[in-house]
């Protein structure tokens, strides 16, 4: 299973608005749909607990997180 791409789109919008080019540049040279699919797959573990993703968004670090760092935030 994977999270719906619409949820990942909203997540990417929020991270882009927060971190700007620092977030977008992480994926330079990659197909963004592949990146989003990977995030959807990895974050699916929180599909029954979207509050964990919400908590992570409310407690973002100063530096732009990658997927592993964002997933760790969700686990807190």
PDB file of N, CA and C in Angstrom:
ATOM      1  N   UNK A   1       0.838  -1.182   0.000  1.00  0.00           N
ATOM      2  CA  UNK A   1       0.000   0.000   0.000  1.00  0.00           C
ATOM      3  C   UNK A   1       0.887   1.251   0.000  1.00  0.00           C
ATOM      4  N   UNK A   2       0.282   2.328  -0.393  1.00  0.00           N
ATOM      5  CA  UNK A   2       0.957   3.627  -0.328  1.00  0.00           C
ATOM      6  C   UNK A   2      -0.069   4.690   0.047  1.00  0.00           C
ATOM      7  N   UNK A   3       0.426   5.760   0.624  1.00  0.00           N
ATOM      8  CA  UNK A   3      -0.447   6.901   0.882  1.00  0.00           C
ATOM      9  C   UNK A   3      -0.934   7.452  -0.453  1.00  0.00           C
ATOM     10  N   UNK A   4      -2.100   8.050  -0.486  1.00  0.00           N
ATOM     11  CA  UNK A   4      -2.576   8.649  -1.735  1.00  0.00           C
ATOM     12  C   UNK A   4      -1.621   9.753  -2.206  1.00  0.00           C
ATOM     13  N   UNK A   5      -1.403   9.798  -3.504  1.00  0.00           N
ATOM     14  CA  UNK A   5      -0.505  10.809  -4.068  1.00  0.00           C
ATOM     15  C   UNK A   5      -1.012  12.211  -3.744  1.00  0.00           C
ATOM     16  N   UNK A   6      -2.332  12.395  -3.648  1.00  0.00           N
ATOM     17  CA  UNK A   6      -2.870  13.715  -3.288  1.00  0.00           C
ATOM     18  C   UNK A   6      -2.352  14.157  -1.920  1.00  0.00           C
ATOM     19  N   UNK A   7      -2.228  13.216  -0.983  1.00  0.00           N
ATOM     20  CA  UNK A   7      -1.687  13.549   0.341  1.00  0.00           C
ATOM     21  C   UNK A   7      -0.209  13.917   0.238  1.00  0.00           C
ATOM     22  N   UNK A   8       0.520  13.205  -0.590  1.00  0.00           N
ATOM     23  CA  UNK A   8       1.944  13.507  -0.786  1.00  0.00           C
ATOM     24  C   UNK A   8       2.103  14.843  -1.498  1.00  0.00           C
ATOM     25  N   UNK A   9       1.220  15.137  -2.449  1.00  0.00           N
ATOM     26  CA  UNK A   9       1.259  16.443  -3.115  1.00  0.00           C
ATOM     27  C   UNK A   9       1.106  17.563  -2.094  1.00  0.00           C
ATOM     28  N   UNK A  10       0.158  17.417  -1.176  1.00  0.00           N
ATOM     29  CA  UNK A  10      -0.050  18.442  -0.134  1.00  0.00           C
ATOM     30  C   UNK A  10       1.168  18.543   0.772  1.00  0.00           C
ATOM     31  N   UNK A  11       1.744  17.397   1.100  1.00  0.00           N
ATOM     32  CA  UNK A  11       2.949  17.380   1.933  1.00  0.00           C
ATOM     33  C   UNK A  11       4.101  18.101   1.227  1.00  0.00           C
ATOM     34  N   UNK A  12       4.296  17.799  -0.044  1.00  0.00           N
ATOM     35  CA  UNK A  12       5.362  18.453  -0.810  1.00  0.00           C
ATOM     36  C   UNK A  12       5.099  19.951  -0.949  1.00  0.00           C
ATOM     37  N   UNK A  13       3.840  20.337  -1.115  1.00  0.00           N
ATOM     38  CA  UNK A  13       3.513  21.765  -1.167  1.00  0.00           C
ATOM     39  C   UNK A  13       3.914  22.452   0.130  1.00  0.00           C
ATOM     40  N   UNK A  14       3.571  21.841   1.232  1.00  0.00           N
ATOM     41  CA  UNK A  14       3.897  22.423   2.549  1.00  0.00           C
ATOM     42  C   UNK A  14       5.406  22.512   2.754  1.00  0.00           C
ATOM     43  N   UNK A  15       6.128  21.455   2.410  1.00  0.00           N
ATOM     44  CA  UNK A  15       7.584  21.467   2.589  1.00  0.00           C
ATOM     45  C   UNK A  15       8.249  22.450   1.631  1.00  0.00           C
ATOM     46  N   UNK A  16       7.700  22.596   0.436  1.00  0.00           N
ATOM     47  CA  UNK A  16       8.236  23.563  -0.521  1.00  0.00           C
ATOM     48  C   UNK A  16       8.004  24.986  -0.024  1.00  0.00           C
ATOM     49  N   UNK A  17       6.823  25.259   0.499  1.00  0.00           N
ATOM     50  CA  UNK A  17       6.537  26.590   1.028  1.00  0.00           C
ATOM     51  C   UNK A  17       7.394  26.909   2.250  1.00  0.00           C
ATOM     52  N   UNK A  18       7.704  25.896   3.032  1.00  0.00           N
ATOM     53  CA  UNK A  18       8.511  26.095   4.232  1.00  0.00           C
ATOM     54  C   UNK A  18       9.989  26.254   3.904  1.00  0.00           C
ATOM     55  N   UNK A  19      10.519  25.399   3.034  1.00  0.00           N
ATOM     56  CA  UNK A  19      11.959  25.364   2.783  1.00  0.00           C
ATOM     57  C   UNK A  19      12.371  25.936   1.427  1.00  0.00           C
ATOM     58  N   UNK A  20      11.417  26.204   0.561  1.00  0.00           N
ATOM     59  CA  UNK A  20      11.718  26.797  -0.739  1.00  0.00           C
ATOM     60  C   UNK A  20      12.619  25.921  -1.590  1.00  0.00           C
ATOM     61  N   UNK A  21      13.581  26.555  -2.211  1.00  0.00           N
ATOM     62  CA  UNK A  21      14.451  25.848  -3.153  1.00  0.00           C
ATOM     63  C   UNK A  21      15.291  24.768  -2.480  1.00  0.00           C
ATOM     64  N   UNK A  22      15.541  24.901  -1.177  1.00  0.00           N
ATOM     65  CA  UNK A  22      16.309  23.862  -0.479  1.00  0.00           C
ATOM     66  C   UNK A  22      15.597  22.510  -0.595  1.00  0.00           C
ATOM     67  N   UNK A  23      14.268  22.529  -0.496  1.00  0.00           N
ATOM     68  CA  UNK A  23      13.517  21.279  -0.632  1.00  0.00           C
ATOM     69  C   UNK A  23      13.476  20.828  -2.084  1.00  0.00           C
ATOM     70  N   UNK A  24      13.140  21.746  -2.986  1.00  0.00           N
ATOM     71  CA  UNK A  24      13.039  21.381  -4.404  1.00  0.00           C
ATOM     72  C   UNK A  24      14.376  20.900  -4.969  1.00  0.00           C
ATOM     73  N   UNK A  25      15.473  21.503  -4.542  1.00  0.00           N
ATOM     74  CA  UNK A  25      16.786  21.142  -5.069  1.00  0.00           C
ATOM     75  C   UNK A  25      17.246  19.757  -4.627  1.00  0.00           C
ATOM     76  N   UNK A  26      16.644  19.234  -3.569  1.00  0.00           N
ATOM     77  CA  UNK A  26      17.001  17.874  -3.136  1.00  0.00           C
ATOM     78  C   UNK A  26      16.701  16.853  -4.225  1.00  0.00           C
ATOM     79  N   UNK A  27      15.730  17.182  -5.076  1.00  0.00           N
ATOM     80  CA  UNK A  27      15.280  16.226  -6.082  1.00  0.00           C
ATOM     81  C   UNK A  27      15.725  16.617  -7.487  1.00  0.00           C
ATOM     82  N   UNK A  28      16.644  17.571  -7.580  1.00  0.00           N
ATOM     83  CA  UNK A  28      17.127  18.015  -8.896  1.00  0.00           C
ATOM     84  C   UNK A  28      17.673  16.819  -9.678  1.00  0.00           C
ATOM     85  N   UNK A  29      17.238  16.707 -10.918  1.00  0.00           N
ATOM     86  CA  UNK A  29      17.701  15.628 -11.781  1.00  0.00           C
ATOM     87  C   UNK A  29      16.908  14.339 -11.639  1.00  0.00           C
ATOM     88  N   UNK A  30      15.973  14.305 -10.701  1.00  0.00           N
ATOM     89  CA  UNK A  30      15.141  13.117 -10.506  1.00  0.00           C
ATOM     90  C   UNK A  30      13.728  13.408 -10.986  1.00  0.00           C
ATOM     91  N   UNK A  31      13.032  12.384 -11.384  1.00  0.00           N
ATOM     92  CA  UNK A  31      11.630  12.522 -11.757  1.00  0.00           C
ATOM     93  C   UNK A  31      10.828  12.699 -10.468  1.00  0.00           C
ATOM     94  N   UNK A  32      10.210  13.859 -10.304  1.00  0.00           N
ATOM     95  CA  UNK A  32       9.506  14.164  -9.061  1.00  0.00           C
ATOM     96  C   UNK A  32       8.375  13.172  -8.792  1.00  0.00           C
ATOM     97  N   UNK A  33       7.780  12.618  -9.814  1.00  0.00           N
ATOM     98  CA  UNK A  33       6.726  11.616  -9.580  1.00  0.00           C
ATOM     99  C   UNK A  33       7.313  10.356  -8.948  1.00  0.00           C
ATOM    100  N   UNK A  34       8.542   9.996  -9.313  1.00  0.00           N
ATOM    101  CA  UNK A  34       9.208   8.854  -8.674  1.00  0.00           C
ATOM    102  C   UNK A  34       9.516   9.165  -7.211  1.00  0.00           C
ATOM    103  N   UNK A  35       9.960  10.376  -6.955  1.00  0.00           N
ATOM    104  CA  UNK A  35      10.266  10.797  -5.586  1.00  0.00           C
ATOM    105  C   UNK A  35       8.989  10.751  -4.744  1.00  0.00           C
ATOM    106  N   UNK A  36       7.916  11.302  -5.269  1.00  0.00           N
ATOM    107  CA  UNK A  36       6.652  11.311  -4.535  1.00  0.00           C
ATOM    108  C   UNK A  36       6.133   9.895  -4.308  1.00  0.00           C
ATOM    109  N   UNK A  37       6.286   9.024  -5.270  1.00  0.00           N
ATOM    110  CA  UNK A  37       5.868   7.626  -5.110  1.00  0.00           C
ATOM    111  C   UNK A  37       6.647   6.950  -3.992  1.00  0.00           C
ATOM    112  N   UNK A  38       7.930   7.245  -3.914  1.00  0.00           N
ATOM    113  CA  UNK A  38       8.763   6.673  -2.863  1.00  0.00           C
ATOM    114  C   UNK A  38       8.328   7.185  -1.484  1.00  0.00           C
ATOM    115  N   UNK A  39       8.074   8.486  -1.384  1.00  0.00           N
ATOM    116  CA  UNK A  39       7.589   9.052  -0.118  1.00  0.00           C
ATOM    117  C   UNK A  39       6.251   8.413   0.247  1.00  0.00           C
ATOM    118  N   UNK A  40       5.359   8.257  -0.705  1.00  0.00           N
ATOM    119  CA  UNK A  40       4.056   7.654  -0.442  1.00  0.00           C
ATOM    120  C   UNK A  40       4.215   6.234   0.087  1.00  0.00           C
ATOM    121  N   UNK A  41       5.112   5.486  -0.493  1.00  0.00           N
ATOM    122  CA  UNK A  41       5.357   4.109  -0.065  1.00  0.00           C
ATOM    123  C   UNK A  41       5.937   4.075   1.350  1.00  0.00           C
ATOM    124  N   UNK A  42       6.959   4.898   1.593  1.00  0.00           N
ATOM    125  CA  UNK A  42       7.643   4.891   2.889  1.00  0.00           C
ATOM    126  C   UNK A  42       6.780   5.438   4.023  1.00  0.00           C
ATOM    127  N   UNK A  43       5.913   6.390   3.722  1.00  0.00           N
ATOM    128  CA  UNK A  43       5.081   6.995   4.768  1.00  0.00           C
ATOM    129  C   UNK A  43       3.748   6.278   4.943  1.00  0.00           C
ATOM    130  N   UNK A  44       3.498   5.246   4.156  1.00  0.00           N
ATOM    131  CA  UNK A  44       2.245   4.512   4.273  1.00  0.00           C
ATOM    132  C   UNK A  44       2.050   3.913   5.659  1.00  0.00           C
ATOM    133  N   UNK A  45       3.114   3.646   6.356  1.00  0.00           N
ATOM    134  CA  UNK A  45       3.026   3.104   7.706  1.00  0.00           C
ATOM    135  C   UNK A  45       2.222   4.041   8.610  1.00  0.00           C
ATOM    136  N   UNK A  46       2.121   5.315   8.241  1.00  0.00           N
ATOM    137  CA  UNK A  46       1.357   6.285   9.019  1.00  0.00           C
ATOM    138  C   UNK A  46      -0.035   6.527   8.439  1.00  0.00           C
ATOM    139  N   UNK A  47      -0.434   5.705   7.487  1.00  0.00           N
ATOM    140  CA  UNK A  47      -1.730   5.862   6.845  1.00  0.00           C
ATOM    141  C   UNK A  47      -2.904   5.784   7.807  1.00  0.00           C
ATOM    142  N   UNK A  48      -2.763   5.011   8.857  1.00  0.00           N
ATOM    143  CA  UNK A  48      -3.805   4.903   9.877  1.00  0.00           C
ATOM    144  C   UNK A  48      -3.602   5.904  11.001  1.00  0.00           C
ATOM    145  N   UNK A  49      -2.514   6.674  10.930  1.00  0.00           N
ATOM    146  CA  UNK A  49      -2.194   7.653  11.972  1.00  0.00           C
ATOM    147  C   UNK A  49      -1.658   8.924  11.310  1.00  0.00           C
ATOM    148  N   UNK A  50      -2.509   9.594  10.573  1.00  0.00           N
ATOM    149  CA  UNK A  50      -2.075  10.811   9.877  1.00  0.00           C
ATOM    150  C   UNK A  50      -1.685  11.924  10.842  1.00  0.00           C
ATOM    151  N   UNK A  51      -2.093  11.789  12.101  1.00  0.00           N
ATOM    152  CA  UNK A  51      -1.689  12.778  13.099  1.00  0.00           C
ATOM    153  C   UNK A  51      -0.171  12.794  13.266  1.00  0.00           C
ATOM    154  N   UNK A  52       0.471  11.659  13.028  1.00  0.00           N
ATOM    155  CA  UNK A  52       1.933  11.597  13.130  1.00  0.00           C
ATOM    156  C   UNK A  52       2.576  12.483  12.070  1.00  0.00           C
ATOM    157  N   UNK A  53       2.020  12.469  10.871  1.00  0.00           N
ATOM    158  CA  UNK A  53       2.535  13.326   9.794  1.00  0.00           C
ATOM    159  C   UNK A  53       2.248  14.782  10.126  1.00  0.00           C
ATOM    160  N   UNK A  54       1.049  15.041  10.644  1.00  0.00           N
ATOM    161  CA  UNK A  54       0.705  16.399  11.064  1.00  0.00           C
ATOM    162  C   UNK A  54       1.639  16.903  12.135  1.00  0.00           C
ATOM    163  N   UNK A  55       1.968  16.045  13.104  1.00  0.00           N
ATOM    164  CA  UNK A  55       2.893  16.427  14.172  1.00  0.00           C
ATOM    165  C   UNK A  55       4.258  16.768  13.580  1.00  0.00           C
ATOM    166  N   UNK A  56       4.714  15.949  12.660  1.00  0.00           N
ATOM    167  CA  UNK A  56       6.014  16.203  12.023  1.00  0.00           C
ATOM    168  C   UNK A  56       6.012  17.554  11.312  1.00  0.00           C
ATOM    169  N   UNK A  57       4.915  17.877  10.637  1.00  0.00           N
ATOM    170  CA  UNK A  57       4.824  19.159   9.933  1.00  0.00           C
ATOM    171  C   UNK A  57       4.818  20.339  10.896  1.00  0.00           C
ATOM    172  N   UNK A  58       4.283  20.134  12.078  1.00  0.00           N
ATOM    173  CA  UNK A  58       4.257  21.211  13.078  1.00  0.00           C
ATOM    174  C   UNK A  58       5.580  21.327  13.829  1.00  0.00           C
ATOM    175  N   UNK A  59       6.454  20.367  13.668  1.00  0.00           N
ATOM    176  CA  UNK A  59       7.722  20.347  14.407  1.00  0.00           C
ATOM    177  C   UNK A  59       8.918  20.164  13.474  1.00  0.00           C
ATOM    178  N   UNK A  60       8.849  20.823  12.345  1.00  0.00           N
ATOM    179  CA  UNK A  60       9.927  20.715  11.352  1.00  0.00           C
ATOM    180  C   UNK A  60      11.224  21.302  11.884  1.00  0.00           C
ATOM    181  N   UNK A  61      12.339  20.691  11.509  1.00  0.00           N
ATOM    182  CA  UNK A  61      13.643  21.228  11.924  1.00  0.00           C
ATOM    183  C   UNK A  61      14.014  22.462  11.103  1.00  0.00           C
ATOM    184  N   UNK A  62      15.046  23.144  11.540  1.00  0.00           N
ATOM    185  CA  UNK A  62      15.523  24.325  10.817  1.00  0.00           C
ATOM    186  C   UNK A  62      16.014  23.971   9.418  1.00  0.00           C
ATOM    187  N   UNK A  63      16.674  22.829   9.305  1.00  0.00           N
ATOM    188  CA  UNK A  63      17.175  22.383   8.003  1.00  0.00           C
ATOM    189  C   UNK A  63      16.157  21.457   7.359  1.00  0.00           C
ATOM    190  N   UNK A  64      16.101  21.520   6.064  1.00  0.00           N
ATOM    191  CA  UNK A  64      15.153  20.726   5.283  1.00  0.00           C
ATOM    192  C   UNK A  64      15.419  19.225   5.456  1.00  0.00           C
ATOM    193  N   UNK A  65      14.405  18.470   5.891  1.00  0.00           N
ATOM    194  CA  UNK A  65      14.613  17.031   6.081  1.00  0.00           C
ATOM    195  C   UNK A  65      14.511  16.252   4.770  1.00  0.00           C
ATOM    196  N   UNK A  66      15.261  15.166   4.714  1.00  0.00           N
ATOM    197  CA  UNK A  66      15.059  14.220   3.627  1.00  0.00           C
ATOM    198  C   UNK A  66      13.991  13.229   4.085  1.00  0.00           C
ATOM    199  N   UNK A  67      13.696  12.238   3.292  1.00  0.00           N
ATOM    200  CA  UNK A  67      12.644  11.286   3.623  1.00  0.00           C
ATOM    201  C   UNK A  67      12.923  10.552   4.930  1.00  0.00           C
ATOM    202  N   UNK A  68      14.128  10.088   5.125  1.00  0.00           N
ATOM    203  CA  UNK A  68      14.472   9.343   6.339  1.00  0.00           C
ATOM    204  C   UNK A  68      14.288  10.220   7.571  1.00  0.00           C
ATOM    205  N   UNK A  69      14.731  11.469   7.482  1.00  0.00           N
ATOM    206  CA  UNK A  69      14.589  12.389   8.613  1.00  0.00           C
ATOM    207  C   UNK A  69      13.121  12.722   8.872  1.00  0.00           C
ATOM    208  N   UNK A  70      12.339  12.920   7.805  1.00  0.00           N
ATOM    209  CA  UNK A  70      10.936  13.228   7.982  1.00  0.00           C
ATOM    210  C   UNK A  70      10.200  12.030   8.603  1.00  0.00           C
ATOM    211  N   UNK A  71      10.524  10.838   8.145  1.00  0.00           N
ATOM    212  CA  UNK A  71       9.909   9.620   8.689  1.00  0.00           C
ATOM    213  C   UNK A  71      10.242   9.477  10.182  1.00  0.00           C
ATOM    214  N   UNK A  72      11.460   9.801  10.561  1.00  0.00           N
ATOM    215  CA  UNK A  72      11.859   9.758  11.973  1.00  0.00           C
ATOM    216  C   UNK A  72      11.048  10.766  12.790  1.00  0.00           C
ATOM    217  N   UNK A  73      10.807  11.947  12.223  1.00  0.00           N
ATOM    218  CA  UNK A  73       9.963  12.934  12.909  1.00  0.00           C
ATOM    219  C   UNK A  73       8.565  12.369  13.146  1.00  0.00           C
ATOM    220  N   UNK A  74       8.043  11.690  12.161  1.00  0.00           N
ATOM    221  CA  UNK A  74       6.696  11.123  12.273  1.00  0.00           C
ATOM    222  C   UNK A  74       6.614  10.076  13.372  1.00  0.00           C
ATOM    223  N   UNK A  75       7.720   9.418  13.668  1.00  0.00           N
ATOM    224  CA  UNK A  75       7.737   8.366  14.685  1.00  0.00           C
ATOM    225  C   UNK A  75       7.775   8.914  16.102  1.00  0.00           C
ATOM    226  N   UNK A  76       8.063  10.187  16.254  1.00  0.00           N
ATOM    227  CA  UNK A  76       8.187  10.761  17.600  1.00  0.00           C
ATOM    228  C   UNK A  76       6.840  10.969  18.258  1.00  0.00           C
TER     229      UNK A  76
END
